[in-house]
PDB file of all heavy atoms in Angstrom:
ATOM      1  N   LEU A   1     136.940 127.010 177.590  1.00  0.00           N
ATOM      2  CA  LEU A   1     137.096 126.806 179.027  1.00  0.00           C
ATOM      3  C   LEU A   1     136.502 127.980 179.783  1.00  0.00           C
ATOM      4  O   LEU A   1     137.016 129.111 179.719  1.00  0.00           O
ATOM      5  CB  LEU A   1     138.587 126.649 179.388  1.00  0.00           C
ATOM      6  CG  LEU A   1     139.366 125.613 178.549  1.00  0.00           C
ATOM      7  CD1 LEU A   1     140.847 125.628 178.908  1.00  0.00           C
ATOM      8  CD2 LEU A   1     138.749 124.233 178.739  1.00  0.00           C
ATOM      9  N   LEU A   2     135.431 127.734 180.519  1.00  0.00           N
ATOM     10  CA  LEU A   2     134.718 128.785 181.191  1.00  0.00           C
ATOM     11  C   LEU A   2     135.250 129.023 182.600  1.00  0.00           C
ATOM     12  O   LEU A   2     135.926 128.152 183.185  1.00  0.00           O
ATOM     13  CB  LEU A   2     133.232 128.468 181.250  1.00  0.00           C
ATOM     14  CG  LEU A   2     132.553 128.241 179.911  1.00  0.00           C
ATOM     15  CD1 LEU A   2     131.057 128.010 180.073  1.00  0.00           C
ATOM     16  CD2 LEU A   2     132.808 129.417 178.968  1.00  0.00           C
ATOM     17  N   GLN A   3     134.983 130.178 183.108  1.00  0.00           N
ATOM     18  CA  GLN A   3     135.394 130.598 184.460  1.00  0.00           C
ATOM     19  C   GLN A   3     134.202 131.107 185.237  1.00  0.00           C
ATOM     20  O   GLN A   3     133.106 131.264 184.709  1.00  0.00           O
ATOM     21  CB  GLN A   3     136.461 131.708 184.346  1.00  0.00           C
ATOM     22  CG  GLN A   3     137.730 131.238 183.652  1.00  0.00           C
ATOM     23  CD  GLN A   3     138.621 132.375 183.212  1.00  0.00           C
ATOM     24  OE1 GLN A   3     138.840 132.594 182.039  1.00  0.00           O
ATOM     25  NE2 GLN A   3     139.167 133.131 184.172  1.00  0.00           N
ATOM     26  N   LEU A   4     134.440 131.359 186.542  1.00  0.00           N
ATOM     27  CA  LEU A   4     133.409 131.971 187.352  1.00  0.00           C
ATOM     28  C   LEU A   4     133.365 133.457 187.038  1.00  0.00           C
ATOM     29  O   LEU A   4     134.370 134.147 187.148  1.00  0.00           O
ATOM     30  CB  LEU A   4     133.711 131.744 188.839  1.00  0.00           C
ATOM     31  CG  LEU A   4     133.786 130.285 189.300  1.00  0.00           C
ATOM     32  CD1 LEU A   4     134.171 130.213 190.762  1.00  0.00           C
ATOM     33  CD2 LEU A   4     132.463 129.580 189.070  1.00  0.00           C
ATOM     34  N   GLU A   5     132.197 133.955 186.756  1.00  0.00           N
ATOM     35  CA  GLU A   5     132.054 135.361 186.392  1.00  0.00           C
ATOM     36  C   GLU A   5     132.466 136.253 187.556  1.00  0.00           C
ATOM     37  O   GLU A   5     132.991 137.364 187.323  1.00  0.00           O
ATOM     38  CB  GLU A   5     130.601 135.669 185.996  1.00  0.00           C
ATOM     39  CG  GLU A   5     130.384 137.070 185.492  1.00  0.00           C
ATOM     40  CD  GLU A   5     128.965 137.316 185.043  1.00  0.00           C
ATOM     41  OE1 GLU A   5     128.609 136.872 183.945  1.00  0.00           O
ATOM     42  OE2 GLU A   5     128.172 137.924 185.810  1.00  0.00           O
ATOM     43  N   HIS A   6     132.261 135.815 188.793  1.00  0.00           N
ATOM     44  CA  HIS A   6     132.606 136.640 189.948  1.00  0.00           C
ATOM     45  C   HIS A   6     134.059 136.457 190.401  1.00  0.00           C
ATOM     46  O   HIS A   6     134.482 137.123 191.362  1.00  0.00           O
ATOM     47  CB  HIS A   6     131.662 136.314 191.125  1.00  0.00           C
ATOM     48  CG  HIS A   6     131.695 134.862 191.550  1.00  0.00           C
ATOM     49  ND1 HIS A   6     130.898 133.909 190.971  1.00  0.00           N
ATOM     50  CD2 HIS A   6     132.449 134.220 192.487  1.00  0.00           C
ATOM     51  CE1 HIS A   6     131.140 132.731 191.554  1.00  0.00           C
ATOM     52  NE2 HIS A   6     132.058 132.903 192.482  1.00  0.00           N
ATOM     53  N   ASP A   7     134.809 135.611 189.740  1.00  0.00           N
ATOM     54  CA  ASP A   7     136.198 135.404 190.137  1.00  0.00           C
ATOM     55  C   ASP A   7     137.040 136.634 189.803  1.00  0.00           C
ATOM     56  O   ASP A   7     136.811 137.327 188.808  1.00  0.00           O
ATOM     57  CB  ASP A   7     136.770 134.185 189.404  1.00  0.00           C
ATOM     58  CG  ASP A   7     138.172 133.832 189.875  1.00  0.00           C
ATOM     59  OD1 ASP A   7     138.289 133.225 190.946  1.00  0.00           O
ATOM     60  OD2 ASP A   7     139.139 134.156 189.170  1.00  0.00           O
ATOM     61  N   SER A   8     138.020 136.905 190.670  1.00  0.00           N
ATOM     62  CA  SER A   8     138.826 138.118 190.486  1.00  0.00           C
ATOM     63  C   SER A   8     139.615 138.110 189.152  1.00  0.00           C
ATOM     64  O   SER A   8     139.800 139.176 188.547  1.00  0.00           O
ATOM     65  CB  SER A   8     139.797 138.274 191.666  1.00  0.00           C
ATOM     66  OG  SER A   8     140.716 137.190 191.718  1.00  0.00           O
ATOM     67  N   SER A   9     140.058 136.933 188.714  1.00  0.00           N
ATOM     68  CA  SER A   9     140.785 136.875 187.443  1.00  0.00           C
ATOM     69  C   SER A   9     139.936 137.349 186.283  1.00  0.00           C
ATOM     70  O   SER A   9     140.425 138.018 185.353  1.00  0.00           O
ATOM     71  CB  SER A   9     141.278 135.455 187.162  1.00  0.00           C
ATOM     72  OG  SER A   9     142.256 135.062 188.089  1.00  0.00           O
ATOM     73  N   PHE A  10     138.654 136.998 186.319  1.00  0.00           N
ATOM     74  CA  PHE A  10     137.725 137.434 185.276  1.00  0.00           C
ATOM     75  C   PHE A  10     137.348 138.889 185.459  1.00  0.00           C
ATOM     76  O   PHE A  10     137.321 139.680 184.509  1.00  0.00           O
ATOM     77  CB  PHE A  10     136.481 136.552 185.285  1.00  0.00           C
ATOM     78  CG  PHE A  10     135.538 136.837 184.156  1.00  0.00           C
ATOM     79  CD1 PHE A  10     135.645 136.171 182.939  1.00  0.00           C
ATOM     80  CD2 PHE A  10     134.516 137.793 184.282  1.00  0.00           C
ATOM     81  CE1 PHE A  10     134.782 136.434 181.891  1.00  0.00           C
ATOM     82  CE2 PHE A  10     133.666 138.069 183.230  1.00  0.00           C
ATOM     83  CZ  PHE A  10     133.800 137.377 182.041  1.00  0.00           C
ATOM     84  N   GLN A  11     137.050 139.300 186.683  1.00  0.00           N
ATOM     85  CA  GLN A  11     136.601 140.659 186.934  1.00  0.00           C
ATOM     86  C   GLN A  11     137.668 141.699 186.727  1.00  0.00           C
ATOM     87  O   GLN A  11     137.421 142.772 186.178  1.00  0.00           O
ATOM     88  CB  GLN A  11     136.055 140.756 188.377  1.00  0.00           C
ATOM     89  CG  GLN A  11     134.748 140.001 188.619  1.00  0.00           C
ATOM     90  CD  GLN A  11     133.575 140.646 187.891  1.00  0.00           C
ATOM     91  OE1 GLN A  11     133.520 141.851 187.757  1.00  0.00           O
ATOM     92  NE2 GLN A  11     132.620 139.842 187.449  1.00  0.00           N
ATOM     93  N   GLN A  12     138.876 141.397 187.174  1.00  0.00           N
ATOM     94  CA  GLN A  12     139.951 142.392 187.198  1.00  0.00           C
ATOM     95  C   GLN A  12     140.939 142.305 186.035  1.00  0.00           C
ATOM     96  O   GLN A  12     141.601 143.282 185.733  1.00  0.00           O
ATOM     97  CB  GLN A  12     140.733 142.303 188.516  1.00  0.00           C
ATOM     98  CG  GLN A  12     139.888 142.397 189.773  1.00  0.00           C
ATOM     99  CD  GLN A  12     139.315 143.790 189.935  1.00  0.00           C
ATOM    100  OE1 GLN A  12     139.908 144.782 189.540  1.00  0.00           O
ATOM    101  NE2 GLN A  12     138.151 143.894 190.544  1.00  0.00           N
ATOM    102  N   HIS A  13     141.023 141.134 185.400  1.00  0.00           N
ATOM    103  CA  HIS A  13     142.080 140.917 184.408  1.00  0.00           C
ATOM    104  C   HIS A  13     141.565 140.425 183.063  1.00  0.00           C
ATOM    105  O   HIS A  13     142.251 139.662 182.387  1.00  0.00           O
ATOM    106  CB  HIS A  13     143.126 139.957 184.985  1.00  0.00           C
ATOM    107  CG  HIS A  13     143.674 140.365 186.322  1.00  0.00           C
ATOM    108  ND1 HIS A  13     144.353 141.567 186.504  1.00  0.00           N
ATOM    109  CD2 HIS A  13     143.657 139.748 187.512  1.00  0.00           C
ATOM    110  CE1 HIS A  13     144.736 141.661 187.756  1.00  0.00           C
ATOM    111  NE2 HIS A  13     144.315 140.576 188.400  1.00  0.00           N
ATOM    112  N   SER A  14     140.352 140.824 182.701  1.00  0.00           N
ATOM    113  CA  SER A  14     139.811 140.415 181.396  1.00  0.00           C
ATOM    114  C   SER A  14     139.120 141.598 180.757  1.00  0.00           C
ATOM    115  O   SER A  14     138.739 142.549 181.423  1.00  0.00           O
ATOM    116  CB  SER A  14     138.822 139.242 181.567  1.00  0.00           C
ATOM    117  OG  SER A  14     137.510 139.693 181.825  1.00  0.00           O
ATOM    118  N   PRO A  15     138.889 141.536 179.420  1.00  0.00           N
ATOM    119  CA  PRO A  15     138.220 142.643 178.722  1.00  0.00           C
ATOM    120  C   PRO A  15     136.692 142.544 178.764  1.00  0.00           C
ATOM    121  O   PRO A  15     136.024 143.396 178.196  1.00  0.00           O
ATOM    122  CB  PRO A  15     138.716 142.493 177.277  1.00  0.00           C
ATOM    123  CG  PRO A  15     138.953 141.004 177.138  1.00  0.00           C
ATOM    124  CD  PRO A  15     139.435 140.538 178.499  1.00  0.00           C
ATOM    125  N   PHE A  16     136.150 141.517 179.436  1.00  0.00           N
ATOM    126  CA  PHE A  16     134.718 141.294 179.448  1.00  0.00           C
ATOM    127  C   PHE A  16     134.089 141.710 180.777  1.00  0.00           C
ATOM    128  O   PHE A  16     134.660 141.527 181.841  1.00  0.00           O
ATOM    129  CB  PHE A  16     134.409 139.806 179.192  1.00  0.00           C
ATOM    130  CG  PHE A  16     135.007 139.278 177.912  1.00  0.00           C
ATOM    131  CD1 PHE A  16     136.082 138.394 177.962  1.00  0.00           C
ATOM    132  CD2 PHE A  16     134.533 139.668 176.677  1.00  0.00           C
ATOM    133  CE1 PHE A  16     136.663 137.901 176.802  1.00  0.00           C
ATOM    134  CE2 PHE A  16     135.095 139.179 175.503  1.00  0.00           C
ATOM    135  CZ  PHE A  16     136.152 138.304 175.583  1.00  0.00           C
ATOM    136  N   ASP A  17     132.863 142.239 180.691  1.00  0.00           N
ATOM    137  CA  ASP A  17     132.117 142.582 181.896  1.00  0.00           C
ATOM    138  C   ASP A  17     131.344 141.385 182.439  1.00  0.00           C
ATOM    139  O   ASP A  17     131.178 141.253 183.641  1.00  0.00           O
ATOM    140  CB  ASP A  17     131.141 143.732 181.608  1.00  0.00           C
ATOM    141  CG  ASP A  17     131.831 145.024 181.280  1.00  0.00           C
ATOM    142  OD1 ASP A  17     132.905 145.293 181.869  1.00  0.00           O
ATOM    143  OD2 ASP A  17     131.341 145.794 180.433  1.00  0.00           O
ATOM    144  N   THR A  18     130.873 140.517 181.541  1.00  0.00           N
ATOM    145  CA  THR A  18     130.102 139.361 181.941  1.00  0.00           C
ATOM    146  C   THR A  18     130.571 138.128 181.148  1.00  0.00           C
ATOM    147  O   THR A  18     131.187 138.256 180.098  1.00  0.00           O
ATOM    148  CB  THR A  18     128.601 139.550 181.678  1.00  0.00           C
ATOM    149  OG1 THR A  18     128.356 139.599 180.254  1.00  0.00           O
ATOM    150  CG2 THR A  18     128.084 140.825 182.338  1.00  0.00           C
ATOM    151  N   MET A  19     130.244 136.953 181.676  1.00  0.00           N
ATOM    152  CA  MET A  19     130.576 135.734 180.960  1.00  0.00           C
ATOM    153  C   MET A  19     129.826 135.642 179.625  1.00  0.00           C
ATOM    154  O   MET A  19     130.332 135.094 178.646  1.00  0.00           O
ATOM    155  CB  MET A  19     130.265 134.517 181.838  1.00  0.00           C
ATOM    156  CG  MET A  19     130.647 133.163 181.235  1.00  0.00           C
ATOM    157  SD  MET A  19     132.395 133.057 180.745  1.00  0.00           S
ATOM    158  CE  MET A  19     133.163 133.196 182.342  1.00  0.00           C
ATOM    159  N   THR A  20     128.612 136.186 179.589  1.00  0.00           N
ATOM    160  CA  THR A  20     127.837 136.176 178.350  1.00  0.00           C
ATOM    161  C   THR A  20     128.579 136.923 177.249  1.00  0.00           C
ATOM    162  O   THR A  20     128.510 136.514 176.070  1.00  0.00           O
ATOM    163  CB  THR A  20     126.454 136.797 178.580  1.00  0.00           C
ATOM    164  OG1 THR A  20     125.767 136.065 179.603  1.00  0.00           O
ATOM    165  CG2 THR A  20     125.629 136.749 177.307  1.00  0.00           C
ATOM    166  N   ASP A  21     129.281 137.978 177.572  1.00  0.00           N
ATOM    167  CA  ASP A  21     130.079 138.720 176.576  1.00  0.00           C
ATOM    168  C   ASP A  21     131.117 137.786 175.957  1.00  0.00           C
ATOM    169  O   ASP A  21     131.347 137.824 174.725  1.00  0.00           O
ATOM    170  CB  ASP A  21     130.744 139.928 177.202  1.00  0.00           C
ATOM    171  CG  ASP A  21     129.775 140.964 177.688  1.00  0.00           C
ATOM    172  OD1 ASP A  21     128.653 141.007 177.159  1.00  0.00           O
ATOM    173  OD2 ASP A  21     130.128 141.763 178.590  1.00  0.00           O
ATOM    174  N   PHE A  22     131.760 136.989 176.772  1.00  0.00           N
ATOM    175  CA  PHE A  22     132.756 136.051 176.263  1.00  0.00           C
ATOM    176  C   PHE A  22     132.096 134.973 175.406  1.00  0.00           C
ATOM    177  O   PHE A  22     132.605 134.627 174.331  1.00  0.00           O
ATOM    178  CB  PHE A  22     133.490 135.409 177.445  1.00  0.00           C
ATOM    179  CG  PHE A  22     134.401 134.276 177.059  1.00  0.00           C
ATOM    180  CD1 PHE A  22     135.525 134.490 176.261  1.00  0.00           C
ATOM    181  CD2 PHE A  22     134.167 132.994 177.509  1.00  0.00           C
ATOM    182  CE1 PHE A  22     136.359 133.439 175.911  1.00  0.00           C
ATOM    183  CE2 PHE A  22     135.012 131.932 177.181  1.00  0.00           C
ATOM    184  CZ  PHE A  22     136.108 132.163 176.371  1.00  0.00           C
ATOM    185  N   LEU A  23     130.951 134.451 175.846  1.00  0.00           N
ATOM    186  CA  LEU A  23     130.245 133.446 175.072  1.00  0.00           C
ATOM    187  C   LEU A  23     129.878 133.957 173.673  1.00  0.00           C
ATOM    188  O   LEU A  23     130.026 133.225 172.680  1.00  0.00           O
ATOM    189  CB  LEU A  23     128.978 133.016 175.804  1.00  0.00           C
ATOM    190  CG  LEU A  23     129.138 132.421 177.215  1.00  0.00           C
ATOM    191  CD1 LEU A  23     127.750 132.108 177.799  1.00  0.00           C
ATOM    192  CD2 LEU A  23     129.987 131.177 177.185  1.00  0.00           C
ATOM    193  N   LYS A  24     129.459 135.210 173.584  1.00  0.00           N
ATOM    194  CA  LYS A  24     129.097 135.810 172.298  1.00  0.00           C
ATOM    195  C   LYS A  24     130.284 135.820 171.356  1.00  0.00           C
ATOM    196  O   LYS A  24     130.169 135.468 170.182  1.00  0.00           O
ATOM    197  CB  LYS A  24     128.585 137.227 172.496  1.00  0.00           C
ATOM    198  CG  LYS A  24     127.204 137.345 173.163  1.00  0.00           C
ATOM    199  CD  LYS A  24     126.820 138.812 173.353  1.00  0.00           C
ATOM    200  CE  LYS A  24     125.478 138.941 174.046  1.00  0.00           C
ATOM    201  NZ  LYS A  24     125.146 140.367 174.321  1.00  0.00           N
ATOM    202  N   VAL A  25     131.437 136.258 171.865  1.00  0.00           N
ATOM    203  CA  VAL A  25     132.638 136.349 171.025  1.00  0.00           C
ATOM    204  C   VAL A  25     133.043 134.979 170.511  1.00  0.00           C
ATOM    205  O   VAL A  25     133.365 134.787 169.339  1.00  0.00           O
ATOM    206  CB  VAL A  25     133.785 137.008 171.824  1.00  0.00           C
ATOM    207  CG1 VAL A  25     135.114 136.849 171.090  1.00  0.00           C
ATOM    208  CG2 VAL A  25     133.465 138.473 172.099  1.00  0.00           C
ATOM    209  N   VAL A  26     133.014 133.979 171.393  1.00  0.00           N
ATOM    210  CA  VAL A  26     133.468 132.634 171.026  1.00  0.00           C
ATOM    211  C   VAL A  26     132.530 131.989 170.003  1.00  0.00           C
ATOM    212  O   VAL A  26     132.974 131.456 168.975  1.00  0.00           O
ATOM    213  CB  VAL A  26     133.580 131.743 172.280  1.00  0.00           C
ATOM    214  CG1 VAL A  26     133.884 130.298 171.870  1.00  0.00           C
ATOM    215  CG2 VAL A  26     134.676 132.265 173.189  1.00  0.00           C
ATOM    216  N   ILE A  27     131.241 132.044 170.238  1.00  0.00           N
ATOM    217  CA  ILE A  27     130.302 131.407 169.328  1.00  0.00           C
ATOM    218  C   ILE A  27     130.278 132.121 167.987  1.00  0.00           C
ATOM    219  O   ILE A  27     130.231 131.467 166.912  1.00  0.00           O
ATOM    220  CB  ILE A  27     128.897 131.359 169.954  1.00  0.00           C
ATOM    221  CG1 ILE A  27     128.913 130.389 171.153  1.00  0.00           C
ATOM    222  CG2 ILE A  27     127.836 130.978 168.949  1.00  0.00           C
ATOM    223  CD1 ILE A  27     127.611 130.321 171.913  1.00  0.00           C
ATOM    224  N   GLU A  28     130.370 133.432 167.970  1.00  0.00           N
ATOM    225  CA  GLU A  28     130.434 134.158 166.717  1.00  0.00           C
ATOM    226  C   GLU A  28     131.706 133.800 165.932  1.00  0.00           C
ATOM    227  O   GLU A  28     131.650 133.575 164.722  1.00  0.00           O
ATOM    228  CB  GLU A  28     130.404 135.661 166.968  1.00  0.00           C
ATOM    229  CG  GLU A  28     130.435 136.519 165.694  1.00  0.00           C
ATOM    230  CD  GLU A  28     130.328 137.997 165.953  1.00  0.00           C
ATOM    231  OE1 GLU A  28     130.173 138.400 167.125  1.00  0.00           O
ATOM    232  OE2 GLU A  28     130.451 138.756 164.972  1.00  0.00           O
ATOM    233  N   GLY A  29     132.851 133.725 166.616  1.00  0.00           N
ATOM    234  CA  GLY A  29     134.096 133.342 165.963  1.00  0.00           C
ATOM    235  C   GLY A  29     134.057 131.917 165.441  1.00  0.00           C
ATOM    236  O   GLY A  29     134.555 131.642 164.348  1.00  0.00           O
ATOM    237  N   PHE A  30     133.447 131.042 166.196  1.00  0.00           N
ATOM    238  CA  PHE A  30     133.307 129.639 165.756  1.00  0.00           C
ATOM    239  C   PHE A  30     132.398 129.557 164.528  1.00  0.00           C
ATOM    240  O   PHE A  30     132.740 128.855 163.545  1.00  0.00           O
ATOM    241  CB  PHE A  30     132.717 128.800 166.888  1.00  0.00           C
ATOM    242  CG  PHE A  30     132.408 127.397 166.508  1.00  0.00           C
ATOM    243  CD1 PHE A  30     133.390 126.445 166.416  1.00  0.00           C
ATOM    244  CD2 PHE A  30     131.086 126.994 166.260  1.00  0.00           C
ATOM    245  CE1 PHE A  30     133.094 125.119 166.059  1.00  0.00           C
ATOM    246  CE2 PHE A  30     130.776 125.693 165.897  1.00  0.00           C
ATOM    247  CZ  PHE A  30     131.787 124.744 165.801  1.00  0.00           C
ATOM    248  N   ALA A  31     131.287 130.257 164.539  1.00  0.00           N
ATOM    249  CA  ALA A  31     130.358 130.223 163.399  1.00  0.00           C
ATOM    250  C   ALA A  31     131.005 130.767 162.129  1.00  0.00           C
ATOM    251  O   ALA A  31     130.733 130.293 161.026  1.00  0.00           O
ATOM    252  CB  ALA A  31     129.095 131.025 163.760  1.00  0.00           C
ATOM    253  N   LYS A  32     131.874 131.770 162.248  1.00  0.00           N
ATOM    254  CA  LYS A  32     132.506 132.377 161.095  1.00  0.00           C
ATOM    255  C   LYS A  32     133.683 131.565 160.562  1.00  0.00           C
ATOM    256  O   LYS A  32     133.901 131.536 159.342  1.00  0.00           O
ATOM    257  CB  LYS A  32     133.008 133.781 161.454  1.00  0.00           C
ATOM    258  CG  LYS A  32     131.917 134.819 161.646  1.00  0.00           C
ATOM    259  CD  LYS A  32     132.522 136.165 161.978  1.00  0.00           C
ATOM    260  CE  LYS A  32     131.450 137.261 162.114  1.00  0.00           C
ATOM    261  NZ  LYS A  32     132.060 138.584 162.449  1.00  0.00           N
ATOM    262  N   GLY A  33     134.450 130.927 161.469  1.00  0.00           N
ATOM    263  CA  GLY A  33     135.704 130.355 161.014  1.00  0.00           C
ATOM    264  C   GLY A  33     135.804 128.840 160.996  1.00  0.00           C
ATOM    265  O   GLY A  33     136.538 128.289 160.154  1.00  0.00           O
ATOM    266  N   ALA A  34     135.112 128.138 161.860  1.00  0.00           N
ATOM    267  CA  ALA A  34     135.281 126.689 161.980  1.00  0.00           C
ATOM    268  C   ALA A  34     134.693 125.962 160.790  1.00  0.00           C
ATOM    269  O   ALA A  34     133.615 126.325 160.308  1.00  0.00           O
ATOM    270  CB  ALA A  34     134.661 126.196 163.271  1.00  0.00           C
ATOM    271  N   PRO A  35     135.346 124.926 160.296  1.00  0.00           N
ATOM    272  CA  PRO A  35     134.729 124.059 159.252  1.00  0.00           C
ATOM    273  C   PRO A  35     133.383 123.523 159.702  1.00  0.00           C
ATOM    274  O   PRO A  35     133.162 123.346 160.902  1.00  0.00           O
ATOM    275  CB  PRO A  35     135.768 122.953 159.074  1.00  0.00           C
ATOM    276  CG  PRO A  35     137.070 123.551 159.543  1.00  0.00           C
ATOM    277  CD  PRO A  35     136.699 124.490 160.659  1.00  0.00           C
ATOM    278  N   GLY A  36     132.501 123.260 158.735  1.00  0.00           N
ATOM    279  CA  GLY A  36     131.133 122.871 159.043  1.00  0.00           C
ATOM    280  C   GLY A  36     130.977 121.577 159.816  1.00  0.00           C
ATOM    281  O   GLY A  36     129.952 121.341 160.446  1.00  0.00           O
ATOM    282  N   HIS A  37     131.998 120.727 159.794  1.00  0.00           N
ATOM    283  CA  HIS A  37     131.908 119.458 160.497  1.00  0.00           C
ATOM    284  C   HIS A  37     132.540 119.527 161.890  1.00  0.00           C
ATOM    285  O   HIS A  37     132.528 118.526 162.622  1.00  0.00           O
ATOM    286  CB  HIS A  37     132.566 118.350 159.680  1.00  0.00           C
ATOM    287  CG  HIS A  37     134.011 118.534 159.429  1.00  0.00           C
ATOM    288  ND1 HIS A  37     134.531 119.521 158.628  1.00  0.00           N
ATOM    289  CD2 HIS A  37     135.105 117.832 159.899  1.00  0.00           C
ATOM    290  CE1 HIS A  37     135.844 119.443 158.596  1.00  0.00           C
ATOM    291  NE2 HIS A  37     136.218 118.435 159.358  1.00  0.00           N
ATOM    292  N   HIS A  38     133.085 120.659 162.276  1.00  0.00           N
ATOM    293  CA  HIS A  38     133.673 120.828 163.583  1.00  0.00           C
ATOM    294  C   HIS A  38     132.630 121.225 164.622  1.00  0.00           C
ATOM    295  O   HIS A  38     131.621 121.852 164.301  1.00  0.00           O
ATOM    296  CB  HIS A  38     134.776 121.915 163.571  1.00  0.00           C
ATOM    297  CG  HIS A  38     136.045 121.451 162.949  1.00  0.00           C
ATOM    298  ND1 HIS A  38     137.286 121.972 163.297  1.00  0.00           N
ATOM    299  CD2 HIS A  38     136.287 120.507 162.009  1.00  0.00           C
ATOM    300  CE1 HIS A  38     138.227 121.372 162.570  1.00  0.00           C
ATOM    301  NE2 HIS A  38     137.636 120.501 161.767  1.00  0.00           N
TER     302      HIS A  38
END
């Protein structure tokens, strides 16, 4: 579930500087852990 990068919840209350940083973490975690048919 994505958010607006400029939204205050993302800017002030998250560990990421950009939405791309979040995308990297999610896709890397998916590639490492999800079954191949997911």
